[in-house]
Amino acid sequence: MTKVTTDHTEKDLGGLIERVRAGEEILIARGDEPMNPGASLVPIREIKEPRKPGTMKGKLNLPDAFFFEPLPEDELKLWSGEGDDRS
């Protein structure tokens, strides 16, 4: 992984993007030290084909009760902030 400074990134972002498109990973640093939390430029995988809506239809079998039954009282209290022991 190549390390470049934020100054270099500002001056040559287009060139860095071309290097990343060629497969290189680039770590962006302030001076000699990587930022924490850090920043980097990495290639993303090529999208082979567009996503198609509905491809999971019929593959998940969740009962209606999973979505439509009321939550248990203790869980409802947690959602409303009651019964939360954290202070």
PDB file of N, CA and C in Angstrom:
ATOM      1  N   MET A   1       0.851  -1.167   0.000  1.00  0.00           N
ATOM      2  CA  MET A   1       0.000   0.000   0.000  1.00  0.00           C
ATOM      3  C   MET A   1       0.896   1.230   0.000  1.00  0.00           C
ATOM      4  N   THR A   2       0.608   2.152  -0.895  1.00  0.00           N
ATOM      5  CA  THR A   2       1.359   3.394  -0.999  1.00  0.00           C
ATOM      6  C   THR A   2       0.796   4.422  -0.024  1.00  0.00           C
ATOM      7  N   LYS A   3       1.684   5.211   0.605  1.00  0.00           N
ATOM      8  CA  LYS A   3       1.243   6.265   1.514  1.00  0.00           C
ATOM      9  C   LYS A   3       1.514   7.608   0.871  1.00  0.00           C
ATOM     10  N   VAL A   4       0.497   8.485   0.852  1.00  0.00           N
ATOM     11  CA  VAL A   4       0.652   9.846   0.334  1.00  0.00           C
ATOM     12  C   VAL A   4       0.118  10.818   1.376  1.00  0.00           C
ATOM     13  N   THR A   5       0.564  12.063   1.289  1.00  0.00           N
ATOM     14  CA  THR A   5       0.103  13.080   2.234  1.00  0.00           C
ATOM     15  C   THR A   5      -1.187  13.726   1.745  1.00  0.00           C
ATOM     16  N   THR A   6      -1.861  14.397   2.657  1.00  0.00           N
ATOM     17  CA  THR A   6      -3.086  15.105   2.268  1.00  0.00           C
ATOM     18  C   THR A   6      -2.765  16.185   1.241  1.00  0.00           C
ATOM     19  N   ASP A   7      -1.597  16.833   1.359  1.00  0.00           N
ATOM     20  CA  ASP A   7      -1.208  17.847   0.373  1.00  0.00           C
ATOM     21  C   ASP A   7      -1.090  17.239  -1.016  1.00  0.00           C
ATOM     22  N   HIS A   8      -0.432  16.073  -1.103  1.00  0.00           N
ATOM     23  CA  HIS A   8      -0.288  15.394  -2.396  1.00  0.00           C
ATOM     24  C   HIS A   8      -1.662  15.009  -2.940  1.00  0.00           C
ATOM     25  N   THR A   9      -2.552  14.571  -2.053  1.00  0.00           N
ATOM     26  CA  THR A   9      -3.895  14.171  -2.469  1.00  0.00           C
ATOM     27  C   THR A   9      -4.634  15.356  -3.081  1.00  0.00           C
ATOM     28  N   GLU A  10      -4.518  16.527  -2.448  1.00  0.00           N
ATOM     29  CA  GLU A  10      -5.184  17.715  -2.969  1.00  0.00           C
ATOM     30  C   GLU A  10      -4.635  18.111  -4.333  1.00  0.00           C
ATOM     31  N   LYS A  11      -3.336  17.946  -4.532  1.00  0.00           N
ATOM     32  CA  LYS A  11      -2.705  18.378  -5.776  1.00  0.00           C
ATOM     33  C   LYS A  11      -2.907  17.397  -6.923  1.00  0.00           C
ATOM     34  N   ASP A  12      -3.039  16.097  -6.608  1.00  0.00           N
ATOM     35  CA  ASP A  12      -3.053  15.094  -7.684  1.00  0.00           C
ATOM     36  C   ASP A  12      -4.140  14.041  -7.485  1.00  0.00           C
ATOM     37  N   LEU A  13      -5.336  14.465  -7.100  1.00  0.00           N
ATOM     38  CA  LEU A  13      -6.396  13.494  -6.871  1.00  0.00           C
ATOM     39  C   LEU A  13      -6.706  12.702  -8.133  1.00  0.00           C
ATOM     40  N   GLY A  14      -6.724  13.366  -9.275  1.00  0.00           N
ATOM     41  CA  GLY A  14      -7.008  12.664 -10.528  1.00  0.00           C
ATOM     42  C   GLY A  14      -5.994  11.558 -10.810  1.00  0.00           C
ATOM     43  N   GLY A  15      -4.713  11.848 -10.580  1.00  0.00           N
ATOM     44  CA  GLY A  15      -3.673  10.844 -10.799  1.00  0.00           C
ATOM     45  C   GLY A  15      -3.791   9.691  -9.817  1.00  0.00           C
ATOM     46  N   LEU A  16      -4.131  10.021  -8.567  1.00  0.00           N
ATOM     47  CA  LEU A  16      -4.298   8.965  -7.564  1.00  0.00           C
ATOM     48  C   LEU A  16      -5.480   8.063  -7.923  1.00  0.00           C
ATOM     49  N   ILE A  17      -6.545   8.664  -8.401  1.00  0.00           N
ATOM     50  CA  ILE A  17      -7.707   7.862  -8.799  1.00  0.00           C
ATOM     51  C   ILE A  17      -7.332   6.911  -9.925  1.00  0.00           C
ATOM     52  N   GLU A  18      -6.549   7.371 -10.870  1.00  0.00           N
ATOM     53  CA  GLU A  18      -6.120   6.484 -11.968  1.00  0.00           C
ATOM     54  C   GLU A  18      -5.273   5.330 -11.436  1.00  0.00           C
ATOM     55  N   ARG A  19      -4.411   5.597 -10.468  1.00  0.00           N
ATOM     56  CA  ARG A  19      -3.606   4.522  -9.865  1.00  0.00           C
ATOM     57  C   ARG A  19      -4.495   3.521  -9.144  1.00  0.00           C
ATOM     58  N   VAL A  20      -5.522   4.013  -8.457  1.00  0.00           N
ATOM     59  CA  VAL A  20      -6.453   3.123  -7.759  1.00  0.00           C
ATOM     60  C   VAL A  20      -7.241   2.300  -8.777  1.00  0.00           C
ATOM     61  N   ARG A  21      -7.650   2.925  -9.869  1.00  0.00           N
ATOM     62  CA  ARG A  21      -8.375   2.175 -10.907  1.00  0.00           C
ATOM     63  C   ARG A  21      -7.510   1.055 -11.485  1.00  0.00           C
ATOM     64  N   ALA A  22      -6.200   1.226 -11.413  1.00  0.00           N
ATOM     65  CA  ALA A  22      -5.284   0.188 -11.893  1.00  0.00           C
ATOM     66  C   ALA A  22      -5.053  -0.890 -10.834  1.00  0.00           C
ATOM     67  N   GLY A  23      -5.658  -0.733  -9.642  1.00  0.00           N
ATOM     68  CA  GLY A  23      -5.570  -1.768  -8.626  1.00  0.00           C
ATOM     69  C   GLY A  23      -4.756  -1.417  -7.392  1.00  0.00           C
ATOM     70  N   GLU A  24      -4.142  -0.252  -7.377  1.00  0.00           N
ATOM     71  CA  GLU A  24      -3.298   0.140  -6.243  1.00  0.00           C
ATOM     72  C   GLU A  24      -4.159   0.634  -5.073  1.00  0.00           C
ATOM     73  N   GLU A  25      -3.725   0.373  -3.841  1.00  0.00           N
ATOM     74  CA  GLU A  25      -4.373   0.912  -2.646  1.00  0.00           C
ATOM     75  C   GLU A  25      -3.494   2.030  -2.104  1.00  0.00           C
ATOM     76  N   ILE A  26      -4.116   3.151  -1.729  1.00  0.00           N
ATOM     77  CA  ILE A  26      -3.362   4.322  -1.303  1.00  0.00           C
ATOM     78  C   ILE A  26      -3.858   4.778   0.058  1.00  0.00           C
ATOM     79  N   LEU A  27      -2.936   4.888   1.015  1.00  0.00           N
ATOM     80  CA  LEU A  27      -3.229   5.370   2.357  1.00  0.00           C
ATOM     81  C   LEU A  27      -2.948   6.865   2.393  1.00  0.00           C
ATOM     82  N   ILE A  28      -3.892   7.641   2.913  1.00  0.00           N
ATOM     83  CA  ILE A  28      -3.725   9.091   2.999  1.00  0.00           C
ATOM     84  C   ILE A  28      -3.274   9.436   4.416  1.00  0.00           C
ATOM     85  N   ALA A  29      -2.179  10.189   4.511  1.00  0.00           N
ATOM     86  CA  ALA A  29      -1.583  10.506   5.811  1.00  0.00           C
ATOM     87  C   ALA A  29      -1.403  12.005   5.953  1.00  0.00           C
ATOM     88  N   ARG A  30      -1.301  12.440   7.210  1.00  0.00           N
ATOM     89  CA  ARG A  30      -0.918  13.827   7.498  1.00  0.00           C
ATOM     90  C   ARG A  30       0.557  13.797   7.849  1.00  0.00           C
ATOM     91  N   GLY A  31       1.373  14.337   6.998  1.00  0.00           N
ATOM     92  CA  GLY A  31       2.813  14.263   7.224  1.00  0.00           C
ATOM     93  C   GLY A  31       3.257  12.813   7.129  1.00  0.00           C
ATOM     94  N   ASP A  32       3.979  12.340   8.155  1.00  0.00           N
ATOM     95  CA  ASP A  32       4.467  10.964   8.151  1.00  0.00           C
ATOM     96  C   ASP A  32       3.515  10.000   8.855  1.00  0.00           C
ATOM     97  N   GLU A  33       2.497  10.532   9.528  1.00  0.00           N
ATOM     98  CA  GLU A  33       1.622   9.689  10.337  1.00  0.00           C
ATOM     99  C   GLU A  33       0.271   9.466   9.662  1.00  0.00           C
ATOM    100  N   PRO A  34      -0.181   8.208   9.612  1.00  0.00           N
ATOM    101  CA  PRO A  34      -1.525   7.955   9.105  1.00  0.00           C
ATOM    102  C   PRO A  34      -2.556   8.619  10.019  1.00  0.00           C
ATOM    103  N   MET A  35      -3.652   9.063   9.448  1.00  0.00           N
ATOM    104  CA  MET A  35      -4.707   9.676  10.252  1.00  0.00           C
ATOM    105  C   MET A  35      -5.439   8.588  11.031  1.00  0.00           C
ATOM    106  N   ASN A  36      -5.941   8.955  12.205  1.00  0.00           N
ATOM    107  CA  ASN A  36      -6.691   7.995  13.006  1.00  0.00           C
ATOM    108  C   ASN A  36      -7.979   8.659  13.462  1.00  0.00           C
ATOM    109  N   PRO A  37      -9.152   8.303  13.019  1.00  0.00           N
ATOM    110  CA  PRO A  37      -9.378   7.247  12.047  1.00  0.00           C
ATOM    111  C   PRO A  37      -8.802   7.636  10.690  1.00  0.00           C
ATOM    112  N   GLY A  38      -8.404   6.645   9.958  1.00  0.00           N
ATOM    113  CA  GLY A  38      -7.674   6.856   8.725  1.00  0.00           C
ATOM    114  C   GLY A  38      -8.538   7.068   7.500  1.00  0.00           C
ATOM    115  N   ALA A  39      -7.859   7.344   6.411  1.00  0.00           N
ATOM    116  CA  ALA A  39      -8.513   7.503   5.121  1.00  0.00           C
ATOM    117  C   ALA A  39      -7.660   6.797   4.083  1.00  0.00           C
ATOM    118  N   SER A  40      -8.309   6.179   3.137  1.00  0.00           N
ATOM    119  CA  SER A  40      -7.566   5.517   2.064  1.00  0.00           C
ATOM    120  C   SER A  40      -8.396   5.500   0.801  1.00  0.00           C
ATOM    121  N   LEU A  41      -7.709   5.310  -0.285  1.00  0.00           N
ATOM    122  CA  LEU A  41      -8.356   5.117  -1.581  1.00  0.00           C
ATOM    123  C   LEU A  41      -8.124   3.667  -1.970  1.00  0.00           C
ATOM    124  N   VAL A  42      -9.200   2.946  -2.229  1.00  0.00           N
ATOM    125  CA  VAL A  42      -9.082   1.536  -2.602  1.00  0.00           C
ATOM    126  C   VAL A  42      -9.985   1.258  -3.797  1.00  0.00           C
ATOM    127  N   PRO A  43      -9.583   0.347  -4.658  1.00  0.00           N
ATOM    128  CA  PRO A  43     -10.450   0.006  -5.784  1.00  0.00           C
ATOM    129  C   PRO A  43     -11.677  -0.760  -5.292  1.00  0.00           C
ATOM    130  N   ILE A  44     -12.795  -0.539  -5.949  1.00  0.00           N
ATOM    131  CA  ILE A  44     -13.986  -1.320  -5.636  1.00  0.00           C
ATOM    132  C   ILE A  44     -14.149  -2.373  -6.714  1.00  0.00           C
ATOM    133  N   ARG A  45     -14.810  -3.436  -6.334  1.00  0.00           N
ATOM    134  CA  ARG A  45     -14.967  -4.524  -7.302  1.00  0.00           C
ATOM    135  C   ARG A  45     -15.832  -4.056  -8.464  1.00  0.00           C
ATOM    136  N   GLU A  46     -15.576  -4.607  -9.593  1.00  0.00           N
ATOM    137  CA  GLU A  46     -16.338  -4.270 -10.785  1.00  0.00           C
ATOM    138  C   GLU A  46     -17.742  -4.861 -10.674  1.00  0.00           C
ATOM    139  N   ILE A  47     -18.725  -4.070 -11.015  1.00  0.00           N
ATOM    140  CA  ILE A  47     -20.103  -4.558 -11.003  1.00  0.00           C
ATOM    141  C   ILE A  47     -20.347  -5.273 -12.326  1.00  0.00           C
ATOM    142  N   LYS A  48     -20.590  -6.565 -12.241  1.00  0.00           N
ATOM    143  CA  LYS A  48     -20.714  -7.380 -13.448  1.00  0.00           C
ATOM    144  C   LYS A  48     -22.035  -7.145 -14.165  1.00  0.00           C
ATOM    145  N   GLU A  49     -23.116  -7.049 -13.410  1.00  0.00           N
ATOM    146  CA  GLU A  49     -24.414  -6.790 -14.023  1.00  0.00           C
ATOM    147  C   GLU A  49     -25.265  -6.001 -13.036  1.00  0.00           C
ATOM    148  N   PRO A  50     -26.214  -5.240 -13.538  1.00  0.00           N
ATOM    149  CA  PRO A  50     -27.041  -4.461 -12.625  1.00  0.00           C
ATOM    150  C   PRO A  50     -27.897  -5.350 -11.729  1.00  0.00           C
ATOM    151  N   ARG A  51     -28.191  -4.853 -10.536  1.00  0.00           N
ATOM    152  CA  ARG A  51     -29.053  -5.597  -9.625  1.00  0.00           C
ATOM    153  C   ARG A  51     -30.467  -5.624 -10.178  1.00  0.00           C
ATOM    154  N   LYS A  52     -31.152  -6.736  -9.932  1.00  0.00           N
ATOM    155  CA  LYS A  52     -32.516  -6.886 -10.421  1.00  0.00           C
ATOM    156  C   LYS A  52     -33.469  -7.012  -9.239  1.00  0.00           C
ATOM    157  N   PRO A  53     -34.436  -6.099  -9.119  1.00  0.00           N
ATOM    158  CA  PRO A  53     -35.405  -6.198  -8.020  1.00  0.00           C
ATOM    159  C   PRO A  53     -36.180  -7.508  -8.103  1.00  0.00           C
ATOM    160  N   GLY A  54     -36.458  -8.083  -6.951  1.00  0.00           N
ATOM    161  CA  GLY A  54     -37.294  -9.276  -6.890  1.00  0.00           C
ATOM    162  C   GLY A  54     -36.553 -10.593  -6.989  1.00  0.00           C
ATOM    163  N   THR A  55     -35.219 -10.570  -7.014  1.00  0.00           N
ATOM    164  CA  THR A  55     -34.494 -11.831  -7.172  1.00  0.00           C
ATOM    165  C   THR A  55     -34.577 -12.721  -5.936  1.00  0.00           C
ATOM    166  N   MET A  56     -34.942 -12.158  -4.775  1.00  0.00           N
ATOM    167  CA  MET A  56     -35.084 -12.960  -3.556  1.00  0.00           C
ATOM    168  C   MET A  56     -36.528 -13.400  -3.311  1.00  0.00           C
ATOM    169  N   LYS A  57     -37.442 -13.019  -4.200  1.00  0.00           N
ATOM    170  CA  LYS A  57     -38.852 -13.344  -3.999  1.00  0.00           C
ATOM    171  C   LYS A  57     -39.042 -14.851  -3.867  1.00  0.00           C
ATOM    172  N   GLY A  58     -39.720 -15.246  -2.790  1.00  0.00           N
ATOM    173  CA  GLY A  58     -40.004 -16.655  -2.557  1.00  0.00           C
ATOM    174  C   GLY A  58     -38.878 -17.408  -1.869  1.00  0.00           C
ATOM    175  N   LYS A  59     -37.746 -16.777  -1.639  1.00  0.00           N
ATOM    176  CA  LYS A  59     -36.610 -17.463  -1.026  1.00  0.00           C
ATOM    177  C   LYS A  59     -36.578 -17.297   0.487  1.00  0.00           C
ATOM    178  N   LEU A  60     -37.311 -16.329   1.021  1.00  0.00           N
ATOM    179  CA  LEU A  60     -37.397 -16.130   2.462  1.00  0.00           C
ATOM    180  C   LEU A  60     -38.809 -16.485   2.908  1.00  0.00           C
ATOM    181  N   ASN A  61     -38.898 -17.270   3.964  1.00  0.00           N
ATOM    182  CA  ASN A  61     -40.207 -17.677   4.455  1.00  0.00           C
ATOM    183  C   ASN A  61     -40.370 -17.181   5.881  1.00  0.00           C
ATOM    184  N   LEU A  62     -40.813 -15.928   6.013  1.00  0.00           N
ATOM    185  CA  LEU A  62     -41.031 -15.341   7.332  1.00  0.00           C
ATOM    186  C   LEU A  62     -42.537 -15.262   7.581  1.00  0.00           C
ATOM    187  N   PRO A  63     -42.989 -15.753   8.719  1.00  0.00           N
ATOM    188  CA  PRO A  63     -44.419 -15.676   9.010  1.00  0.00           C
ATOM    189  C   PRO A  63     -44.861 -14.232   9.233  1.00  0.00           C
ATOM    190  N   ASP A  64     -46.125 -13.942   8.937  1.00  0.00           N
ATOM    191  CA  ASP A  64     -46.649 -12.591   9.154  1.00  0.00           C
ATOM    192  C   ASP A  64     -46.465 -12.143  10.588  1.00  0.00           C
ATOM    193  N   ALA A  65     -46.520 -13.090  11.529  1.00  0.00           N
ATOM    194  CA  ALA A  65     -46.363 -12.745  12.946  1.00  0.00           C
ATOM    195  C   ALA A  65     -45.004 -12.094  13.208  1.00  0.00           C
ATOM    196  N   PHE A  66     -44.038 -12.393  12.395  1.00  0.00           N
ATOM    197  CA  PHE A  66     -42.709 -11.807  12.554  1.00  0.00           C
ATOM    198  C   PHE A  66     -42.781 -10.282  12.459  1.00  0.00           C
ATOM    199  N   PHE A  67     -43.667  -9.782  11.606  1.00  0.00           N
ATOM    200  CA  PHE A  67     -43.780  -8.350  11.385  1.00  0.00           C
ATOM    201  C   PHE A  67     -44.958  -7.698  12.099  1.00  0.00           C
ATOM    202  N   PHE A  68     -46.044  -8.436  12.296  1.00  0.00           N
ATOM    203  CA  PHE A  68     -47.285  -7.796  12.708  1.00  0.00           C
ATOM    204  C   PHE A  68     -47.703  -8.045  14.150  1.00  0.00           C
ATOM    205  N   GLU A  69     -47.074  -8.952  14.853  1.00  0.00           N
ATOM    206  CA  GLU A  69     -47.422  -9.181  16.257  1.00  0.00           C
ATOM    207  C   GLU A  69     -46.788  -8.078  17.108  1.00  0.00           C
ATOM    208  N   PRO A  70     -47.490  -7.631  18.151  1.00  0.00           N
ATOM    209  CA  PRO A  70     -46.901  -6.604  19.022  1.00  0.00           C
ATOM    210  C   PRO A  70     -45.638  -7.128  19.726  1.00  0.00           C
ATOM    211  N   LEU A  71     -44.753  -6.213  20.032  1.00  0.00           N
ATOM    212  CA  LEU A  71     -43.540  -6.576  20.756  1.00  0.00           C
ATOM    213  C   LEU A  71     -43.892  -6.900  22.208  1.00  0.00           C
ATOM    214  N   PRO A  72     -43.091  -7.751  22.849  1.00  0.00           N
ATOM    215  CA  PRO A  72     -43.306  -8.002  24.275  1.00  0.00           C
ATOM    216  C   PRO A  72     -43.141  -6.703  25.067  1.00  0.00           C
ATOM    217  N   GLU A  73     -43.830  -6.608  26.195  1.00  0.00           N
ATOM    218  CA  GLU A  73     -43.846  -5.394  27.002  1.00  0.00           C
ATOM    219  C   GLU A  73     -42.438  -4.936  27.409  1.00  0.00           C
ATOM    220  N   ASP A  74     -41.564  -5.876  27.815  1.00  0.00           N
ATOM    221  CA  ASP A  74     -40.210  -5.489  28.234  1.00  0.00           C
ATOM    222  C   ASP A  74     -39.413  -4.892  27.077  1.00  0.00           C
ATOM    223  N   GLU A  75     -39.623  -5.390  25.873  1.00  0.00           N
ATOM    224  CA  GLU A  75     -38.914  -4.824  24.719  1.00  0.00           C
ATOM    225  C   GLU A  75     -39.474  -3.452  24.344  1.00  0.00           C
ATOM    226  N   LEU A  76     -40.776  -3.273  24.440  1.00  0.00           N
ATOM    227  CA  LEU A  76     -41.375  -1.962  24.190  1.00  0.00           C
ATOM    228  C   LEU A  76     -40.813  -0.913  25.145  1.00  0.00           C
ATOM    229  N   LYS A  77     -40.629  -1.306  26.405  1.00  0.00           N
ATOM    230  CA  LYS A  77     -40.061  -0.374  27.375  1.00  0.00           C
ATOM    231  C   LYS A  77     -38.645   0.040  26.982  1.00  0.00           C
ATOM    232  N   LEU A  78     -37.863  -0.900  26.480  1.00  0.00           N
ATOM    233  CA  LEU A  78     -36.502  -0.565  26.047  1.00  0.00           C
ATOM    234  C   LEU A  78     -36.524   0.417  24.875  1.00  0.00           C
ATOM    235  N   TRP A  79     -37.447   0.219  23.933  1.00  0.00           N
ATOM    236  CA  TRP A  79     -37.539   1.123  22.784  1.00  0.00           C
ATOM    237  C   TRP A  79     -37.933   2.524  23.216  1.00  0.00           C
ATOM    238  N   SER A  80     -38.735   2.647  24.255  1.00  0.00           N
ATOM    239  CA  SER A  80     -39.175   3.965  24.720  1.00  0.00           C
ATOM    240  C   SER A  80     -38.197   4.588  25.727  1.00  0.00           C
ATOM    241  N   GLY A  81     -37.143   3.852  26.086  1.00  0.00           N
ATOM    242  CA  GLY A  81     -36.144   4.371  27.014  1.00  0.00           C
ATOM    243  C   GLY A  81     -36.414   3.998  28.450  1.00  0.00           C
ATOM    244  N   GLU A  82     -37.535   3.368  28.696  1.00  0.00           N
ATOM    245  CA  GLU A  82     -37.827   2.898  30.058  1.00  0.00           C
ATOM    246  C   GLU A  82     -37.072   1.601  30.308  1.00  0.00           C
ATOM    247  N   GLY A  83     -36.704   1.360  31.522  1.00  0.00           N
ATOM    248  CA  GLY A  83     -36.054   0.098  31.856  1.00  0.00           C
ATOM    249  C   GLY A  83     -34.620   0.014  31.364  1.00  0.00           C
ATOM    250  N   ASP A  84     -34.090   1.101  30.854  1.00  0.00           N
ATOM    251  CA  ASP A  84     -32.704   1.114  30.384  1.00  0.00           C
ATOM    252  C   ASP A  84     -31.804   1.433  31.575  1.00  0.00           C
ATOM    253  N   ASP A  85     -30.939   0.492  31.934  1.00  0.00           N
ATOM    254  CA  ASP A  85     -30.086   0.649  33.118  1.00  0.00           C
ATOM    255  C   ASP A  85     -28.905   1.576  32.895  1.00  0.00           C
ATOM    256  N   ARG A  86     -28.626   1.916  31.631  1.00  0.00           N
ATOM    257  CA  ARG A  86     -27.474   2.797  31.341  1.00  0.00           C
ATOM    258  C   ARG A  86     -27.825   4.214  31.763  1.00  0.00           C
ATOM    259  N   SER A  87     -26.912   4.856  32.434  1.00  0.00           N
ATOM    260  CA  SER A  87     -27.135   6.251  32.852  1.00  0.00           C
ATOM    261  C   SER A  87     -25.951   7.100  32.500  1.00  0.00           C
TER     262      SER A  87
END
